[in-house]
Amino acid sequence: MPPAKTYTTPQVAKLVGIHQRTLIRWLEDGKIAEPPRNRSNRRVFTDDDIETIRSFATRLYPPPRRKDRTRT
């Protein structure tokens, strides 16, 4: 079985649509669980981590509602 795909902090921030510093702050504040680190001491995120972060971000910053454009 091939190893799971992993992502760096900048990649995760871009995928989720937040600034990298925001992601790091959430990690430092304990709002998101700290992921494991590689030999270079860099954070290593998985697809599951990304979904958790995306869910957290969506709760804080819900997407804008679309206006109903139907005419009566």
N, C-alpha and C. Protein backbone atom coordinates (compact mmCIF):
# COMPACT_ATOMS: atom_id res chain seq x y z
N MET A 1 0.84 -1.17 0.00
CA MET A 1 0.00 0.00 0.00
C MET A 1 0.89 1.24 0.00
N PRO A 2 0.66 2.17 -0.94
CA PRO A 2 1.51 3.36 -1.00
C PRO A 2 1.29 4.26 0.21
N PRO A 3 2.32 5.02 0.58
CA PRO A 3 2.14 5.93 1.72
C PRO A 3 1.09 6.99 1.42
N ALA A 4 0.44 7.44 2.47
CA ALA A 4 -0.61 8.45 2.32
C ALA A 4 0.00 9.77 1.86
N LYS A 5 -0.76 10.52 1.07
CA LYS A 5 -0.30 11.83 0.60
C LYS A 5 -0.21 12.76 1.79
N THR A 6 0.85 13.53 1.85
CA THR A 6 1.02 14.50 2.93
C THR A 6 1.19 15.89 2.33
N TYR A 7 0.95 16.89 3.17
CA TYR A 7 0.96 18.27 2.73
C TYR A 7 1.75 19.13 3.71
N THR A 8 2.32 20.22 3.22
CA THR A 8 3.04 21.17 4.06
C THR A 8 2.06 22.24 4.56
N THR A 9 2.53 23.05 5.49
CA THR A 9 1.68 24.12 6.03
C THR A 9 1.22 25.08 4.93
N PRO A 10 2.09 25.57 4.04
CA PRO A 10 1.61 26.47 2.99
C PRO A 10 0.60 25.80 2.05
N GLN A 11 0.80 24.53 1.75
CA GLN A 11 -0.14 23.82 0.88
C GLN A 11 -1.51 23.72 1.53
N VAL A 12 -1.54 23.39 2.81
CA VAL A 12 -2.82 23.25 3.53
C VAL A 12 -3.54 24.60 3.58
N ALA A 13 -2.81 25.65 3.90
CA ALA A 13 -3.43 26.97 3.97
C ALA A 13 -4.05 27.34 2.62
N LYS A 14 -3.35 27.07 1.56
CA LYS A 14 -3.87 27.40 0.22
C LYS A 14 -5.10 26.55 -0.11
N LEU A 15 -5.06 25.26 0.21
CA LEU A 15 -6.20 24.38 -0.07
C LEU A 15 -7.45 24.79 0.71
N VAL A 16 -7.25 25.23 1.94
CA VAL A 16 -8.38 25.59 2.79
C VAL A 16 -8.85 27.03 2.50
N GLY A 17 -7.95 27.85 1.97
CA GLY A 17 -8.33 29.22 1.63
C GLY A 17 -8.12 30.20 2.77
N ILE A 18 -7.10 29.94 3.58
CA ILE A 18 -6.76 30.84 4.68
C ILE A 18 -5.29 31.22 4.55
N HIS A 19 -4.89 32.24 5.28
CA HIS A 19 -3.49 32.65 5.28
C HIS A 19 -2.68 31.65 6.10
N GLN A 20 -1.46 31.43 5.69
CA GLN A 20 -0.59 30.48 6.39
C GLN A 20 -0.42 30.87 7.86
N ARG A 21 -0.29 32.14 8.15
CA ARG A 21 -0.11 32.60 9.52
C ARG A 21 -1.35 32.30 10.36
N THR A 22 -2.53 32.36 9.75
CA THR A 22 -3.77 32.02 10.46
C THR A 22 -3.75 30.56 10.89
N LEU A 23 -3.34 29.69 9.98
CA LEU A 23 -3.26 28.27 10.29
C LEU A 23 -2.28 28.02 11.43
N ILE A 24 -1.13 28.65 11.37
CA ILE A 24 -0.13 28.47 12.43
C ILE A 24 -0.66 28.99 13.76
N ARG A 25 -1.36 30.12 13.73
CA ARG A 25 -1.93 30.66 14.98
C ARG A 25 -2.94 29.70 15.58
N TRP A 26 -3.81 29.12 14.74
CA TRP A 26 -4.79 28.15 15.24
C TRP A 26 -4.09 26.96 15.88
N LEU A 27 -2.99 26.52 15.27
CA LEU A 27 -2.23 25.39 15.82
C LEU A 27 -1.61 25.78 17.17
N GLU A 28 -0.99 26.95 17.21
CA GLU A 28 -0.33 27.40 18.44
C GLU A 28 -1.33 27.65 19.57
N ASP A 29 -2.53 28.11 19.22
CA ASP A 29 -3.57 28.37 20.23
C ASP A 29 -4.29 27.10 20.66
N GLY A 30 -4.02 25.98 20.01
CA GLY A 30 -4.66 24.72 20.36
C GLY A 30 -6.06 24.57 19.80
N LYS A 31 -6.43 25.42 18.86
CA LYS A 31 -7.76 25.32 18.24
C LYS A 31 -7.84 24.15 17.28
N ILE A 32 -6.70 23.76 16.77
CA ILE A 32 -6.57 22.60 15.87
C ILE A 32 -5.45 21.74 16.43
N ALA A 33 -5.63 20.43 16.38
CA ALA A 33 -4.61 19.52 16.90
C ALA A 33 -3.32 19.64 16.08
N GLU A 34 -2.23 19.66 16.76
CA GLU A 34 -0.91 19.74 16.12
C GLU A 34 -0.63 18.43 15.38
N PRO A 35 -0.29 18.49 14.09
CA PRO A 35 0.02 17.26 13.36
C PRO A 35 1.43 16.78 13.68
N PRO A 36 1.76 15.56 13.29
CA PRO A 36 3.13 15.10 13.51
C PRO A 36 4.11 15.92 12.67
N ARG A 37 5.37 15.78 13.00
CA ARG A 37 6.41 16.50 12.25
C ARG A 37 7.37 15.49 11.64
N ASN A 38 8.00 15.90 10.55
CA ASN A 38 8.96 15.03 9.88
C ASN A 38 10.35 15.21 10.50
N ARG A 39 11.34 14.58 9.90
CA ARG A 39 12.71 14.67 10.45
C ARG A 39 13.25 16.08 10.45
N SER A 40 12.75 16.91 9.54
CA SER A 40 13.19 18.30 9.46
C SER A 40 12.38 19.20 10.40
N ASN A 41 11.55 18.60 11.24
CA ASN A 41 10.70 19.28 12.21
C ASN A 41 9.62 20.13 11.54
N ARG A 42 9.24 19.80 10.33
CA ARG A 42 8.15 20.49 9.64
C ARG A 42 6.85 19.72 9.85
N ARG A 43 5.76 20.45 9.96
CA ARG A 43 4.46 19.80 10.14
C ARG A 43 4.10 19.00 8.89
N VAL A 44 3.50 17.84 9.13
CA VAL A 44 3.07 16.95 8.03
C VAL A 44 1.58 16.71 8.19
N PHE A 45 0.79 17.24 7.26
CA PHE A 45 -0.66 17.13 7.30
C PHE A 45 -1.14 16.03 6.36
N THR A 46 -2.26 15.41 6.73
CA THR A 46 -2.88 14.39 5.89
C THR A 46 -4.21 14.93 5.35
N ASP A 47 -4.84 14.16 4.49
CA ASP A 47 -6.16 14.55 3.97
C ASP A 47 -7.17 14.72 5.10
N ASP A 48 -7.10 13.86 6.11
CA ASP A 48 -8.01 13.97 7.26
C ASP A 48 -7.79 15.28 8.01
N ASP A 49 -6.51 15.67 8.16
CA ASP A 49 -6.20 16.94 8.83
C ASP A 49 -6.80 18.10 8.05
N ILE A 50 -6.70 18.05 6.74
CA ILE A 50 -7.23 19.13 5.90
C ILE A 50 -8.74 19.25 6.08
N GLU A 51 -9.43 18.13 6.12
CA GLU A 51 -10.88 18.16 6.31
C GLU A 51 -11.25 18.75 7.67
N THR A 52 -10.49 18.41 8.70
CA THR A 52 -10.73 18.96 10.03
C THR A 52 -10.53 20.47 10.03
N ILE A 53 -9.45 20.93 9.40
CA ILE A 53 -9.15 22.35 9.34
C ILE A 53 -10.19 23.08 8.50
N ARG A 54 -10.59 22.49 7.39
CA ARG A 54 -11.61 23.10 6.53
C ARG A 54 -12.93 23.24 7.30
N SER A 55 -13.29 22.23 8.06
CA SER A 55 -14.52 22.27 8.85
C SER A 55 -14.45 23.38 9.89
N PHE A 56 -13.32 23.50 10.56
CA PHE A 56 -13.12 24.54 11.56
C PHE A 56 -13.21 25.93 10.92
N ALA A 57 -12.56 26.10 9.79
CA ALA A 57 -12.56 27.38 9.09
C ALA A 57 -13.96 27.76 8.62
N THR A 58 -14.72 26.78 8.17
CA THR A 58 -16.08 27.04 7.69
C THR A 58 -17.00 27.47 8.83
N ARG A 59 -16.77 26.92 10.02
CA ARG A 59 -17.58 27.35 11.17
C ARG A 59 -17.27 28.79 11.56
N LEU A 60 -15.99 29.18 11.46
CA LEU A 60 -15.61 30.54 11.80
C LEU A 60 -16.00 31.53 10.71
N TYR A 61 -15.80 31.13 9.48
CA TYR A 61 -16.05 31.99 8.33
C TYR A 61 -16.98 31.29 7.35
N PRO A 62 -18.28 31.27 7.64
CA PRO A 62 -19.20 30.59 6.73
C PRO A 62 -19.20 31.27 5.36
N PRO A 63 -19.36 30.48 4.30
CA PRO A 63 -19.39 31.09 2.97
C PRO A 63 -20.58 32.04 2.86
N PRO A 64 -20.42 33.11 2.08
CA PRO A 64 -21.53 34.05 1.94
C PRO A 64 -22.73 33.40 1.28
N ARG A 65 -23.91 33.82 1.71
CA ARG A 65 -25.13 33.28 1.13
C ARG A 65 -25.36 33.92 -0.22
N ARG A 66 -25.84 33.13 -1.12
CA ARG A 66 -26.19 33.66 -2.44
C ARG A 66 -27.58 34.26 -2.36
N LYS A 67 -27.74 35.39 -2.97
CA LYS A 67 -29.06 36.02 -2.99
C LYS A 67 -29.96 35.27 -3.95
N ASP A 68 -31.21 35.15 -3.56
CA ASP A 68 -32.18 34.50 -4.42
C ASP A 68 -32.50 35.45 -5.57
N ARG A 69 -32.23 35.03 -6.76
CA ARG A 69 -32.40 35.90 -7.91
C ARG A 69 -33.67 35.60 -8.69
N THR A 70 -34.57 34.87 -8.10
CA THR A 70 -35.83 34.58 -8.80
C THR A 70 -36.73 35.79 -8.69
N ARG A 71 -37.44 36.05 -9.75
CA ARG A 71 -38.37 37.19 -9.78
C ARG A 71 -39.78 36.68 -9.56
N THR A 72 -40.55 37.48 -8.91
CA THR A 72 -41.94 37.10 -8.69
C THR A 72 -42.89 37.99 -9.47
